[in-house]
Every structure is written in C-alpha cells, then in structure tokens.
Amino acid sequence: MIWTEEAEELLGAAPAFVRGQIREKTEAQARGAQRTEIDAAFVKSLQSGGRHPGDNFPPPRVTEDPIHGAFDRKYGVHAGMSGGSAVTENPADLFFQCLENTADTNAPAMAYLHVPFCCTRCLFCGFYAETTEPTAIASYTDAVVRDIELTGSVLRHTGRKLSAVYFGGGTPTDLQADELDKLIRTIRRELPLTDDCEITVEGRLYDFTDEKVSAALDAGANRFSFGVQSFDTKIRRMMGRILGREELIERLNRMVELGDPYNAAVVIDLIYALPGQREAEWVDSIDCGVNETGIHGLDLYQINLLPATPLMKKLHALPPMADLKQQADLFLAGRARMMEHGFDRLSIAHWGRDPRERNRYNLWNKRDVDCVPLGAGAGGRWSGCRFFQQSDVHRFSGSVAEKLKPVISASRNPACASVIAEATGQIEQRIIDIPVLEACAGRSLGKLLFPMLGEWKRAGLLEGEDPFRLTAAGEFWSVNLQKLMGLKLMKLAG
C-alpha cells in the first residue's frame, strides 16, 4: 500500500505506541475501499468518520462478582479525550496563538519533552522509536534546545508559569551527563517555571551513572521515575531488561542517597500480568521495592498488549500470561499489599510513601491540564486545542533549524472537553462529585448522569453518594467508567 508524504506526516503525528495499529487499520479500510494509495484526505476522513461512538462500549452488567464479571474487556489502555475537530489554520501558528491567548494566568500548566531513543527495546514497550547512537543524540539535544527557545520566546510573555516538566521517551537517561545538564538548564532558563516546579526525568537504571544523576540534580531535576516492572530477575531477562534484582536494589538505594540532599523523589513502576508472573512473584516485587529500597513512590500498572510491540509477536514462545480475571486478582493483591505497607493513595495506580512524591504531571495529565509539547513526537494541548509535533527526528531537527515550531497536527476540543477532563480526573482519584462537574459544565447534570451512576452502583462499581466513590471493582474497571462517562458527557456538545 502506497502512502503519500502528507499521509505519512499525519500518521507521524500520532503517539508512537498506537502508530502501528493506526497504520494497519487505515490500510485495511483502504483495501476495503479498493484503494491502492492512501493520501491525507483519506486519513482525515477516517479520523472524522465511523460508527456511533457508543456502539462498542456496553454498560456494566449486574453480577454477584463485579470485579470479574462487570465487563468482558477493558475499553482502552488509558482514558483519553474523544471527539474534536480538525483545524484549517497552520498548526504551528495556531499553537502560538493559543499561547498568546492564555485567559487564566493562574491555571496550572506543564511541559512534556520527548526523547525518542533507547539502547534496547523491551518486549512490552510501544514507545520505542530510535536506537541510541551518540552522534544522533547529541544532534537531537541541540535541536530540542532550539525548540525550547522557540517556545519560551512566546510563553515567557503570557504570564503563565509551568508547575511540572516531564522528560519522557524513549529513555531520557540514555542522554549523556552534559546533554541532561544542557536540556534541564535550558528549560529553567527559557521557560517560566514556578518555584516548586516538579521536573521529572524518566528512564531506566541501567547506565544511569552517578555522573548523569549528579548532572541532572545539579541542573534542577527533582524527580526520577524508573520502569523497573519486576524485581524477578528471570522475568526481567525474559522481557529484555538488563539488570538483575540485586543490582536494581543497589542502584535504587544509590539514587535515593544522591537525591536526598536535593529533596528529590525516586519513583518506580511495576507491572502485573507479565508472562509467567504469578501472584507470589507480583507481591514479592512490591515487597522488595518497599522493604529493600528507600524509594518515595511506587506505581502499579497492568500490562497492555499493544499490537506494535515485540511481545505480541513472541507470545507463543513465552510462559502464559494472566487472563482478565486473573489480572483482576493481581490488581486486588497489589492494592491490598500497598495498603498494608501504609502508602498514601495518590491515584488508582500511584502510591506515595514520602511527601516529596507529588505525582503532579501524571495527575494533571489525566485532567487535560495545558501542556507544552517539546521534542520529536511530543503531544500537548493549550487553550482548548491539541497539538502533535513532527515525530521524524530529521524533519523535526530541520524545522527548528529554520526557527519553525515543529507542530504538524492540531485539533480543537469539543465544547464539553473541560467537564470530560474533570470527570476523568475525578475517577482517577476514585470519586465522582456531581456538584463539581456541574460547576465545570455550567449547567445541571443530574438528569443526564444519575441514571448511569445508579446503574454503576447496582453493578457494584460505586458506593455512597455526594460524592460517589469507586469500589475496588470500580477501580479495576476505571478506564471503562472513564470511557462511558466521556461518551455520556459528549451529549453536552450536541
């Protein structure tokens, strides 16, 4: 199937972890339409067309065992905004117009900086884009500096300040010490930040040397998030991870030691339902992170089988993975264990042991807080519009060299976007507060929402009222509740 250059650019604007799936679906639609070429018009027509949005998302059923029986499947990987309309303006021009038209200078805001390089690709990862190569990374670092400078030249004059900056990827810790120093210091120099801005560097512990850590801390990073996934060495090696259990423990404790003088938070991610992982291995990884390291936060995630990942191609050769009912049991086991350990619940997946772990970026991202995109493939939003930057590293670098912000795709949120974001954020924090949603929407929502919420309560997913609170089953199925809530609130847009 032939893709035109303009169609490839539109595909490149999509997040890396769904790009392969979008390509497959688009080509299937094209073959069904007896097309031999996919152009930008065809891609745009698919973005705006399709069946009724509620067709594939049935409501929960009432059962005696809601965590295992309320739904047949999860409705997505993460909750996200649906709807929106394409823009006719130049996307980069619109981005700067949105910055300049900032209405509430006191509203929280943040930035996401994408580093699309990894030295290896883990089986489960859908974010991998480029192989780590020193010359390419050095050139990319310089290009991102120019992107930051372009953005800051406008943002600094809006009166808006950023309270969180997140270095994601890819693997930002693959950057050299001087490159981390350069990017963090450029962020602090060129962008308006609050005094307590959370600056997170995401990555892996392998090859994140003391020199790199110290460079990041001295430059201003105050939070580190590591994808440990499991402390079981056998499972880690099967997934393509390099360090074993003892090396992980030693390195994490060194991270805590180096970060303590800076009051920096060290956080790890663990994943449940990995191939061959039983409840004993899952709980052991949690206990290891809590009891054998001084980490300040721990995030528990369910594995997501994404079509573009190597894991999907190797499932037949790996030990069996937990089915959906077993995943629910692992969720409950992890939830119970974290409560026993006395961690604070920051959201459904995020737990904190120390007040320095604020989890600001992740919490705000669920609520669609305005976010500046920086780097190749980064996505962001501002003043009711969503933006995606050029994902091709060479095209990205060429754009910023010509002093052009590399935003290549934009859309306007539907009128109900703010109330959907508020509802998504509430569910992420395990409540549904109707008066707050009504204040956000500027109208009464009882007639629209109470029948659905009553249905969820009968299904065992909610309890109480004013506000409603998610049960343990509701937490496990939270992405489905967020999806159904979003579809219901879309009716406010007409």
Foldseek 3Di string as FASTA:
>chain_A
DAEDPQRVQVLLLDAQLCSVVLVVVLVVVCVVVVHPYDYPVSSVCVLPDDDQLCPVFDFFDADPDLLQGRDDDFPDQFFDADDFFFDPDFQLVVVLVLLQPDDDQPFEEEAEAEDQEDCDAFQQDRFHDYHDDQVLSVLQLVLLLLLLQLVLVRNVPNSHAYQEYEYYYHAQLSDDLVSLLVVLLSNVVRGHHDPNRAYEHEHALVPSDPSNLLSNVVSPHQEYEYAPQFQCQVLCVVRVHDDHNVVVLVSQQVSCVSRVVSNHAYEYEHEAQRAPDALVRLLVRVCCPLPRHDGFKYFYYYRDRGPPGNCVVCVVVTHGTDDSSRVSVSLVSVVVSLVVSPWPDQFLGMTGDDVSPNCVVVLVVLLLHFYHYTGAQTWTDGNQKIWGFHNPSVVSSVQSVVVGNRTRTMTGRFPLSNLLSVQSSQVRRFKGAQVVSCVRVVHHCCVLPVVSVVSCVSSVQWDDPNIIGGDSSVSSNVSSVSSVVSSSSVVVSD
